[in-house]
Amino acid sequence: MTRATIELGDVTPHNLQQLKRLNQVVFPVSYNDKFYKDILEAGELAKLAYYNDIVVGAVCCRIDILDGSRRLYIMTLGCLAPYRKRGIGAKMLEHVLNFVEKDGDFHSIFLHVQVNNQSAIDFYKKFGFEIVETKEQYYKRIEPADAHVLMKLLRPQRSLSEPEK
């Protein structure tokens, strides 16, 4: 039995349809054309996950600025159900964590998770994320509509005018 290979690859105009299809299957919400247009510009912040050369997952992030601090927002991170619990989600999240570590100038990483998605909440908690807030009626047209905000603090808050220590 050969070991399965898990690799991450860039999102390109040639495989964007695979990302769209994957998101339709994995997530209860649908994403608009602007989301996918922005993903093509995201570089290292958008990756497809391949399991033995088959696209089975994807992660898409963006950089947000709040009160002068850069935060990384995980818009989507998901894997097809038959391929879960095989290290694919961990590989995608580790890519994101390595990105922010290498950059060195992020305050935190955050995301929204539907309140009833316990497996996703448990997954992120293993990587040091904590529930910091619950937003009521966050989602439109899906039940439950509430979302937890999960966050991993990377460094203490400092303003941009404050010098590095």
N, C-alpha and C. Protein backbone atom coordinates (compact mmCIF):
# COMPACT_ATOMS: atom_id res chain seq x y z
N MET A 1 0.86 -1.19 0.00
CA MET A 1 0.00 0.00 0.00
C MET A 1 0.89 1.24 0.00
N THR A 2 0.75 2.06 -1.02
CA THR A 2 1.54 3.29 -1.07
C THR A 2 0.85 4.37 -0.25
N ARG A 3 1.66 5.23 0.32
CA ARG A 3 1.14 6.31 1.14
C ARG A 3 0.49 7.38 0.25
N ALA A 4 -0.61 7.89 0.71
CA ALA A 4 -1.29 8.96 -0.03
C ALA A 4 -0.47 10.24 0.03
N THR A 5 -0.49 10.99 -1.06
CA THR A 5 0.20 12.27 -1.05
C THR A 5 -0.84 13.39 -0.96
N ILE A 6 -0.53 14.35 -0.11
CA ILE A 6 -1.36 15.54 0.03
C ILE A 6 -0.51 16.72 -0.40
N GLU A 7 -0.97 17.44 -1.40
CA GLU A 7 -0.22 18.60 -1.89
C GLU A 7 -1.16 19.78 -2.04
N LEU A 8 -0.59 20.98 -1.93
CA LEU A 8 -1.36 22.19 -2.15
C LEU A 8 -0.93 22.82 -3.47
N GLY A 9 -1.89 23.35 -4.19
CA GLY A 9 -1.59 23.98 -5.47
C GLY A 9 -2.29 25.32 -5.60
N ASP A 10 -1.78 26.14 -6.50
CA ASP A 10 -2.34 27.47 -6.73
C ASP A 10 -3.71 27.39 -7.39
N VAL A 11 -4.52 28.39 -7.11
CA VAL A 11 -5.79 28.55 -7.81
C VAL A 11 -5.49 29.40 -9.04
N THR A 12 -5.88 28.91 -10.21
CA THR A 12 -5.63 29.60 -11.47
C THR A 12 -6.93 29.71 -12.26
N PRO A 13 -6.96 30.52 -13.31
CA PRO A 13 -8.18 30.57 -14.14
C PRO A 13 -8.55 29.19 -14.67
N HIS A 14 -7.56 28.31 -14.84
CA HIS A 14 -7.81 26.98 -15.40
C HIS A 14 -8.49 26.02 -14.42
N ASN A 15 -8.30 26.24 -13.12
CA ASN A 15 -8.93 25.32 -12.16
C ASN A 15 -9.95 26.02 -11.25
N LEU A 16 -10.30 27.25 -11.59
CA LEU A 16 -11.26 28.00 -10.78
C LEU A 16 -12.61 27.30 -10.70
N GLN A 17 -13.03 26.65 -11.80
CA GLN A 17 -14.30 25.92 -11.79
C GLN A 17 -14.28 24.79 -10.76
N GLN A 18 -13.12 24.16 -10.58
CA GLN A 18 -13.01 23.09 -9.58
C GLN A 18 -13.22 23.66 -8.18
N LEU A 19 -12.66 24.84 -7.93
CA LEU A 19 -12.86 25.50 -6.64
C LEU A 19 -14.34 25.83 -6.43
N LYS A 20 -14.99 26.37 -7.46
CA LYS A 20 -16.42 26.70 -7.35
C LYS A 20 -17.24 25.46 -7.03
N ARG A 21 -16.98 24.39 -7.74
CA ARG A 21 -17.73 23.14 -7.56
C ARG A 21 -17.50 22.59 -6.14
N LEU A 22 -16.25 22.60 -5.71
CA LEU A 22 -15.90 22.12 -4.37
C LEU A 22 -16.65 22.92 -3.31
N ASN A 23 -16.63 24.26 -3.43
CA ASN A 23 -17.32 25.10 -2.44
C ASN A 23 -18.82 24.85 -2.44
N GLN A 24 -19.40 24.59 -3.61
CA GLN A 24 -20.84 24.29 -3.68
C GLN A 24 -21.18 23.02 -2.92
N VAL A 25 -20.29 22.05 -2.97
CA VAL A 25 -20.53 20.76 -2.31
C VAL A 25 -20.26 20.83 -0.81
N VAL A 26 -19.20 21.55 -0.42
CA VAL A 26 -18.73 21.53 0.97
C VAL A 26 -19.49 22.52 1.86
N PHE A 27 -19.83 23.69 1.34
CA PHE A 27 -20.39 24.75 2.19
C PHE A 27 -21.88 24.98 1.93
N PRO A 28 -22.63 25.31 2.99
CA PRO A 28 -24.07 25.56 2.83
C PRO A 28 -24.38 26.94 2.25
N VAL A 29 -23.36 27.77 2.06
CA VAL A 29 -23.56 29.11 1.49
C VAL A 29 -22.93 29.15 0.10
N SER A 30 -23.45 30.02 -0.76
CA SER A 30 -22.83 30.13 -2.08
C SER A 30 -22.08 31.46 -2.18
N TYR A 31 -21.03 31.44 -2.93
CA TYR A 31 -20.15 32.60 -3.06
C TYR A 31 -20.34 33.22 -4.43
N ASN A 32 -20.28 34.56 -4.47
CA ASN A 32 -20.54 35.28 -5.71
C ASN A 32 -19.30 35.37 -6.61
N ASP A 33 -19.50 35.91 -7.79
CA ASP A 33 -18.41 36.00 -8.77
C ASP A 33 -17.25 36.86 -8.27
N LYS A 34 -17.55 37.90 -7.48
CA LYS A 34 -16.49 38.76 -6.95
C LYS A 34 -15.56 37.95 -6.03
N PHE A 35 -16.14 37.07 -5.23
CA PHE A 35 -15.34 36.20 -4.35
C PHE A 35 -14.30 35.46 -5.19
N TYR A 36 -14.75 34.85 -6.29
CA TYR A 36 -13.85 34.04 -7.12
C TYR A 36 -12.86 34.91 -7.90
N LYS A 37 -13.29 36.10 -8.29
CA LYS A 37 -12.39 37.03 -8.99
C LYS A 37 -11.26 37.42 -8.02
N ASP A 38 -11.63 37.73 -6.76
CA ASP A 38 -10.63 38.12 -5.75
C ASP A 38 -9.68 36.96 -5.44
N ILE A 39 -10.20 35.75 -5.46
CA ILE A 39 -9.37 34.57 -5.15
C ILE A 39 -8.23 34.43 -6.16
N LEU A 40 -8.50 34.76 -7.41
CA LEU A 40 -7.45 34.67 -8.44
C LEU A 40 -6.29 35.62 -8.15
N GLU A 41 -6.57 36.67 -7.36
CA GLU A 41 -5.52 37.65 -7.00
C GLU A 41 -4.87 37.32 -5.65
N ALA A 42 -5.35 36.29 -4.97
CA ALA A 42 -4.95 36.05 -3.58
C ALA A 42 -3.58 35.38 -3.42
N GLY A 43 -3.03 34.82 -4.46
CA GLY A 43 -1.70 34.20 -4.37
C GLY A 43 -1.65 33.09 -3.34
N GLU A 44 -0.73 33.21 -2.39
CA GLU A 44 -0.52 32.19 -1.37
C GLU A 44 -1.70 32.03 -0.42
N LEU A 45 -2.63 32.98 -0.47
CA LEU A 45 -3.77 32.94 0.44
C LEU A 45 -4.94 32.12 -0.10
N ALA A 46 -4.76 31.52 -1.26
CA ALA A 46 -5.79 30.63 -1.81
C ALA A 46 -5.09 29.41 -2.38
N LYS A 47 -5.45 28.24 -1.87
CA LYS A 47 -4.83 27.00 -2.31
C LYS A 47 -5.87 25.91 -2.49
N LEU A 48 -5.64 25.08 -3.50
CA LEU A 48 -6.42 23.86 -3.66
C LEU A 48 -5.64 22.74 -2.99
N ALA A 49 -6.34 21.81 -2.37
CA ALA A 49 -5.69 20.65 -1.74
C ALA A 49 -5.93 19.43 -2.62
N TYR A 50 -4.84 18.76 -2.94
CA TYR A 50 -4.90 17.55 -3.78
C TYR A 50 -4.57 16.33 -2.93
N TYR A 51 -5.37 15.30 -3.07
CA TYR A 51 -5.13 14.02 -2.41
C TYR A 51 -4.89 13.02 -3.53
N ASN A 52 -3.66 12.55 -3.65
CA ASN A 52 -3.29 11.69 -4.80
C ASN A 52 -3.73 12.32 -6.12
N ASP A 53 -3.42 13.58 -6.30
CA ASP A 53 -3.68 14.34 -7.54
C ASP A 53 -5.16 14.65 -7.81
N ILE A 54 -6.04 14.43 -6.84
CA ILE A 54 -7.47 14.75 -7.00
C ILE A 54 -7.78 15.95 -6.10
N VAL A 55 -8.45 16.96 -6.64
CA VAL A 55 -8.83 18.12 -5.83
C VAL A 55 -9.91 17.69 -4.84
N VAL A 56 -9.59 17.81 -3.55
CA VAL A 56 -10.55 17.39 -2.51
C VAL A 56 -10.81 18.49 -1.48
N GLY A 57 -10.05 19.58 -1.55
CA GLY A 57 -10.23 20.63 -0.56
C GLY A 57 -9.67 21.95 -1.05
N ALA A 58 -9.97 23.00 -0.30
CA ALA A 58 -9.44 24.32 -0.64
C ALA A 58 -9.48 25.23 0.58
N VAL A 59 -8.57 26.20 0.57
CA VAL A 59 -8.56 27.23 1.60
C VAL A 59 -8.43 28.58 0.88
N CYS A 60 -9.25 29.54 1.33
CA CYS A 60 -9.24 30.88 0.74
C CYS A 60 -9.26 31.90 1.88
N CYS A 61 -8.29 32.81 1.86
CA CYS A 61 -8.16 33.81 2.92
C CYS A 61 -8.05 35.20 2.32
N ARG A 62 -8.21 36.19 3.19
CA ARG A 62 -7.93 37.58 2.79
C ARG A 62 -7.35 38.31 3.99
N ILE A 63 -6.71 39.42 3.72
CA ILE A 63 -6.13 40.24 4.78
C ILE A 63 -7.12 41.35 5.13
N ASP A 64 -7.44 41.48 6.41
CA ASP A 64 -8.31 42.55 6.91
C ASP A 64 -7.47 43.46 7.81
N ILE A 65 -7.86 44.73 7.87
CA ILE A 65 -7.19 45.65 8.80
C ILE A 65 -8.26 46.17 9.76
N LEU A 66 -7.99 46.01 11.05
CA LEU A 66 -8.92 46.50 12.06
C LEU A 66 -8.13 47.27 13.10
N ASP A 67 -8.51 48.51 13.32
CA ASP A 67 -7.81 49.37 14.29
C ASP A 67 -6.31 49.38 14.04
N GLY A 68 -5.91 49.42 12.78
CA GLY A 68 -4.49 49.51 12.44
C GLY A 68 -3.74 48.20 12.51
N SER A 69 -4.42 47.09 12.84
CA SER A 69 -3.76 45.79 12.94
C SER A 69 -4.18 44.90 11.78
N ARG A 70 -3.20 44.21 11.21
CA ARG A 70 -3.50 43.26 10.13
C ARG A 70 -3.98 41.95 10.72
N ARG A 71 -5.10 41.46 10.18
CA ARG A 71 -5.66 40.19 10.62
C ARG A 71 -5.91 39.35 9.37
N LEU A 72 -5.71 38.07 9.49
CA LEU A 72 -5.98 37.17 8.38
C LEU A 72 -7.35 36.55 8.59
N TYR A 73 -8.20 36.68 7.59
CA TYR A 73 -9.55 36.11 7.68
C TYR A 73 -9.62 34.88 6.79
N ILE A 74 -9.96 33.74 7.39
CA ILE A 74 -10.15 32.51 6.61
C ILE A 74 -11.59 32.54 6.12
N MET A 75 -11.76 32.81 4.83
CA MET A 75 -13.11 32.87 4.24
C MET A 75 -13.68 31.47 4.10
N THR A 76 -12.87 30.57 3.57
CA THR A 76 -13.29 29.17 3.43
C THR A 76 -12.10 28.26 3.68
N LEU A 77 -12.36 27.15 4.34
CA LEU A 77 -11.38 26.07 4.47
C LEU A 77 -12.24 24.82 4.58
N GLY A 78 -12.18 23.99 3.56
CA GLY A 78 -13.06 22.83 3.57
C GLY A 78 -12.51 21.69 2.74
N CYS A 79 -13.05 20.52 3.02
CA CYS A 79 -12.59 19.29 2.38
C CYS A 79 -13.82 18.41 2.12
N LEU A 80 -13.81 17.71 1.00
CA LEU A 80 -14.92 16.80 0.70
C LEU A 80 -15.05 15.76 1.81
N ALA A 81 -16.28 15.45 2.19
CA ALA A 81 -16.55 14.57 3.33
C ALA A 81 -15.78 13.24 3.31
N PRO A 82 -15.70 12.52 2.18
CA PRO A 82 -14.98 11.23 2.22
C PRO A 82 -13.48 11.36 2.51
N TYR A 83 -12.94 12.56 2.40
CA TYR A 83 -11.49 12.76 2.58
C TYR A 83 -11.16 13.43 3.91
N ARG A 84 -12.15 13.62 4.77
CA ARG A 84 -11.88 14.25 6.06
C ARG A 84 -11.15 13.28 6.98
N LYS A 85 -10.50 13.84 7.98
CA LYS A 85 -9.73 13.07 8.97
C LYS A 85 -8.52 12.37 8.35
N ARG A 86 -7.97 12.95 7.30
CA ARG A 86 -6.78 12.39 6.64
C ARG A 86 -5.62 13.39 6.63
N GLY A 87 -5.77 14.48 7.37
CA GLY A 87 -4.68 15.45 7.46
C GLY A 87 -4.73 16.55 6.41
N ILE A 88 -5.78 16.56 5.59
CA ILE A 88 -5.86 17.55 4.51
C ILE A 88 -6.17 18.94 5.07
N GLY A 89 -7.16 19.02 5.96
CA GLY A 89 -7.50 20.30 6.60
C GLY A 89 -6.31 20.83 7.39
N ALA A 90 -5.63 19.93 8.10
CA ALA A 90 -4.44 20.34 8.87
C ALA A 90 -3.37 20.90 7.95
N LYS A 91 -3.16 20.27 6.81
CA LYS A 91 -2.15 20.74 5.85
C LYS A 91 -2.51 22.14 5.35
N MET A 92 -3.79 22.36 5.06
CA MET A 92 -4.21 23.69 4.59
C MET A 92 -4.05 24.74 5.69
N LEU A 93 -4.46 24.40 6.91
CA LEU A 93 -4.36 25.36 8.00
C LEU A 93 -2.89 25.62 8.34
N GLU A 94 -2.05 24.61 8.29
CA GLU A 94 -0.62 24.80 8.53
C GLU A 94 -0.01 25.73 7.48
N HIS A 95 -0.48 25.64 6.24
CA HIS A 95 -0.01 26.56 5.20
C HIS A 95 -0.34 28.01 5.60
N VAL A 96 -1.56 28.23 6.08
CA VAL A 96 -2.00 29.56 6.51
C VAL A 96 -1.15 30.03 7.70
N LEU A 97 -0.96 29.15 8.68
CA LEU A 97 -0.17 29.51 9.86
C LEU A 97 1.28 29.83 9.49
N ASN A 98 1.85 29.06 8.56
CA ASN A 98 3.21 29.34 8.09
C ASN A 98 3.28 30.68 7.37
N PHE A 99 2.25 30.98 6.59
CA PHE A 99 2.20 32.26 5.85
C PHE A 99 2.25 33.43 6.82
N VAL A 100 1.40 33.41 7.85
CA VAL A 100 1.36 34.55 8.79
C VAL A 100 2.64 34.61 9.63
N GLU A 101 3.21 33.45 9.95
CA GLU A 101 4.45 33.43 10.72
C GLU A 101 5.60 34.03 9.91
N LYS A 102 5.70 33.63 8.65
CA LYS A 102 6.76 34.14 7.78
C LYS A 102 6.61 35.64 7.58
N ASP A 103 5.38 36.10 7.40
CA ASP A 103 5.11 37.53 7.23
C ASP A 103 5.47 38.29 8.50
N GLY A 104 5.05 37.76 9.64
CA GLY A 104 5.42 38.34 10.94
C GLY A 104 4.66 39.57 11.37
N ASP A 105 3.73 40.05 10.58
CA ASP A 105 3.05 41.30 10.93
C ASP A 105 1.53 41.13 11.03
N PHE A 106 1.08 39.97 11.48
CA PHE A 106 -0.35 39.75 11.67
C PHE A 106 -0.67 39.71 13.16
N HIS A 107 -1.76 40.36 13.52
CA HIS A 107 -2.22 40.37 14.91
C HIS A 107 -2.94 39.06 15.25
N SER A 108 -3.76 38.57 14.29
CA SER A 108 -4.57 37.39 14.58
C SER A 108 -5.08 36.76 13.28
N ILE A 109 -5.64 35.56 13.45
CA ILE A 109 -6.33 34.87 12.36
C ILE A 109 -7.74 34.62 12.88
N PHE A 110 -8.74 34.85 12.03
CA PHE A 110 -10.10 34.59 12.50
C PHE A 110 -10.98 34.04 11.38
N LEU A 111 -12.12 33.49 11.77
CA LEU A 111 -13.06 32.92 10.82
C LEU A 111 -14.42 32.79 11.49
N HIS A 112 -15.43 32.52 10.68
CA HIS A 112 -16.78 32.26 11.18
C HIS A 112 -17.10 30.78 10.97
N VAL A 113 -17.76 30.19 11.97
CA VAL A 113 -18.19 28.79 11.87
C VAL A 113 -19.63 28.73 12.34
N GLN A 114 -20.47 28.04 11.60
CA GLN A 114 -21.87 27.86 11.99
C GLN A 114 -21.90 27.23 13.39
N VAL A 115 -22.76 27.73 14.26
CA VAL A 115 -22.75 27.32 15.67
C VAL A 115 -22.95 25.81 15.88
N ASN A 116 -23.58 25.14 14.94
CA ASN A 116 -23.82 23.70 15.11
C ASN A 116 -22.74 22.83 14.46
N ASN A 117 -21.69 23.44 13.92
CA ASN A 117 -20.63 22.68 13.25
C ASN A 117 -19.53 22.32 14.26
N GLN A 118 -19.86 21.38 15.14
CA GLN A 118 -18.95 21.03 16.24
C GLN A 118 -17.63 20.46 15.73
N SER A 119 -17.66 19.69 14.64
CA SER A 119 -16.40 19.11 14.15
C SER A 119 -15.44 20.21 13.69
N ALA A 120 -15.95 21.27 13.05
CA ALA A 120 -15.09 22.38 12.64
C ALA A 120 -14.57 23.13 13.87
N ILE A 121 -15.43 23.35 14.85
CA ILE A 121 -15.02 24.06 16.06
C ILE A 121 -13.91 23.27 16.76
N ASP A 122 -14.08 21.95 16.89
CA ASP A 122 -13.06 21.10 17.52
C ASP A 122 -11.75 21.13 16.73
N PHE A 123 -11.86 21.10 15.39
CA PHE A 123 -10.67 21.14 14.53
C PHE A 123 -9.86 22.41 14.80
N TYR A 124 -10.51 23.56 14.79
CA TYR A 124 -9.78 24.82 14.98
C TYR A 124 -9.23 24.95 16.39
N LYS A 125 -9.96 24.44 17.38
CA LYS A 125 -9.47 24.51 18.77
C LYS A 125 -8.16 23.75 18.92
N LYS A 126 -7.98 22.65 18.16
CA LYS A 126 -6.73 21.89 18.22
C LYS A 126 -5.54 22.74 17.79
N PHE A 127 -5.80 23.77 17.01
CA PHE A 127 -4.74 24.65 16.51
C PHE A 127 -4.66 25.96 17.30
N GLY A 128 -5.34 26.02 18.44
CA GLY A 128 -5.23 27.18 19.32
C GLY A 128 -6.24 28.28 19.07
N PHE A 129 -7.26 28.02 18.27
CA PHE A 129 -8.32 29.02 18.06
C PHE A 129 -9.30 28.94 19.23
N GLU A 130 -9.91 30.09 19.54
CA GLU A 130 -10.91 30.14 20.60
C GLU A 130 -12.14 30.87 20.09
N ILE A 131 -13.30 30.49 20.63
CA ILE A 131 -14.53 31.22 20.30
C ILE A 131 -14.47 32.54 21.06
N VAL A 132 -14.53 33.65 20.33
CA VAL A 132 -14.44 34.96 20.97
C VAL A 132 -15.74 35.74 20.91
N GLU A 133 -16.68 35.27 20.08
CA GLU A 133 -17.93 35.99 19.90
C GLU A 133 -18.91 35.08 19.17
N THR A 134 -20.20 35.33 19.35
CA THR A 134 -21.22 34.64 18.55
C THR A 134 -22.06 35.71 17.88
N LYS A 135 -22.14 35.64 16.56
CA LYS A 135 -22.92 36.62 15.79
C LYS A 135 -24.26 36.01 15.44
N GLU A 136 -25.31 36.64 15.92
CA GLU A 136 -26.66 36.15 15.62
C GLU A 136 -27.04 36.56 14.20
N GLN A 137 -27.77 35.67 13.54
CA GLN A 137 -28.26 35.93 12.18
C GLN A 137 -27.14 36.29 11.21
N TYR A 138 -25.97 35.69 11.37
CA TYR A 138 -24.83 35.96 10.49
C TYR A 138 -25.09 35.45 9.08
N TYR A 139 -25.65 34.24 8.99
CA TYR A 139 -25.90 33.62 7.69
C TYR A 139 -27.30 33.93 7.20
N LYS A 140 -27.40 34.10 5.90
CA LYS A 140 -28.71 34.29 5.27
C LYS A 140 -29.13 32.96 4.67
N ARG A 141 -30.38 32.62 4.82
CA ARG A 141 -30.99 31.45 4.17
C ARG A 141 -30.42 30.10 4.59
N ILE A 142 -29.75 30.02 5.72
CA ILE A 142 -29.38 28.69 6.25
C ILE A 142 -29.67 28.66 7.76
N GLU A 143 -29.94 27.48 8.24
CA GLU A 143 -30.25 27.30 9.66
C GLU A 143 -29.22 26.37 10.30
N PRO A 144 -28.76 26.60 11.52
CA PRO A 144 -28.98 27.84 12.25
C PRO A 144 -28.22 29.00 11.59
N ALA A 145 -28.76 30.19 11.74
CA ALA A 145 -28.18 31.37 11.07
C ALA A 145 -27.04 31.99 11.87
N ASP A 146 -26.84 31.53 13.11
CA ASP A 146 -25.80 32.12 13.97
C ASP A 146 -24.43 31.51 13.67
N ALA A 147 -23.41 32.33 13.90
CA ALA A 147 -22.03 31.88 13.68
C ALA A 147 -21.16 32.25 14.87
N HIS A 148 -20.26 31.34 15.21
CA HIS A 148 -19.21 31.66 16.18
C HIS A 148 -18.07 32.32 15.42
N VAL A 149 -17.43 33.29 16.07
CA VAL A 149 -16.19 33.85 15.55
C VAL A 149 -15.07 33.15 16.31
N LEU A 150 -14.22 32.44 15.57
CA LEU A 150 -13.07 31.79 16.18
C LEU A 150 -11.83 32.60 15.83
N MET A 151 -10.96 32.77 16.82
CA MET A 151 -9.77 33.59 16.61
C MET A 151 -8.56 32.94 17.24
N LYS A 152 -7.44 33.12 16.59
CA LYS A 152 -6.14 32.74 17.14
C LYS A 152 -5.32 34.01 17.21
N LEU A 153 -5.00 34.42 18.42
CA LEU A 153 -4.20 35.62 18.62
C LEU A 153 -2.74 35.30 18.33
N LEU A 154 -2.10 36.09 17.50
CA LEU A 154 -0.71 35.83 17.14
C LEU A 154 0.27 36.69 17.93
N ARG A 155 -0.14 37.91 18.26
CA ARG A 155 0.70 38.79 19.06
C ARG A 155 -0.17 39.85 19.69
N PRO A 156 0.31 40.49 20.74
CA PRO A 156 -0.49 41.52 21.41
C PRO A 156 -0.81 42.68 20.46
N GLN A 157 -1.89 43.33 20.74
CA GLN A 157 -2.33 44.48 19.95
C GLN A 157 -1.31 45.60 20.08
N ARG A 158 -0.95 46.22 18.96
CA ARG A 158 -0.17 47.46 19.02
C ARG A 158 -0.62 48.32 17.85
N SER A 159 -0.56 49.59 18.02
CA SER A 159 -0.99 50.45 16.92
C SER A 159 0.16 50.60 15.94
N LEU A 160 -0.16 51.03 14.71
CA LEU A 160 0.87 51.18 13.68
C LEU A 160 1.86 52.27 14.04
N SER A 161 1.43 53.24 14.87
CA SER A 161 2.32 54.34 15.23
C SER A 161 3.31 53.94 16.34
N GLU A 162 2.99 52.84 17.00
CA GLU A 162 3.86 52.35 18.09
C GLU A 162 5.10 51.67 17.50
N PRO A 163 6.28 51.95 18.01
CA PRO A 163 7.48 51.31 17.45
C PRO A 163 7.56 49.83 17.82
N GLU A 164 8.24 49.05 16.99
CA GLU A 164 8.50 47.64 17.30
C GLU A 164 9.37 47.57 18.54
N LYS A 165 9.17 46.53 19.33
CA LYS A 165 10.02 46.35 20.53
C LYS A 165 11.16 45.43 20.22
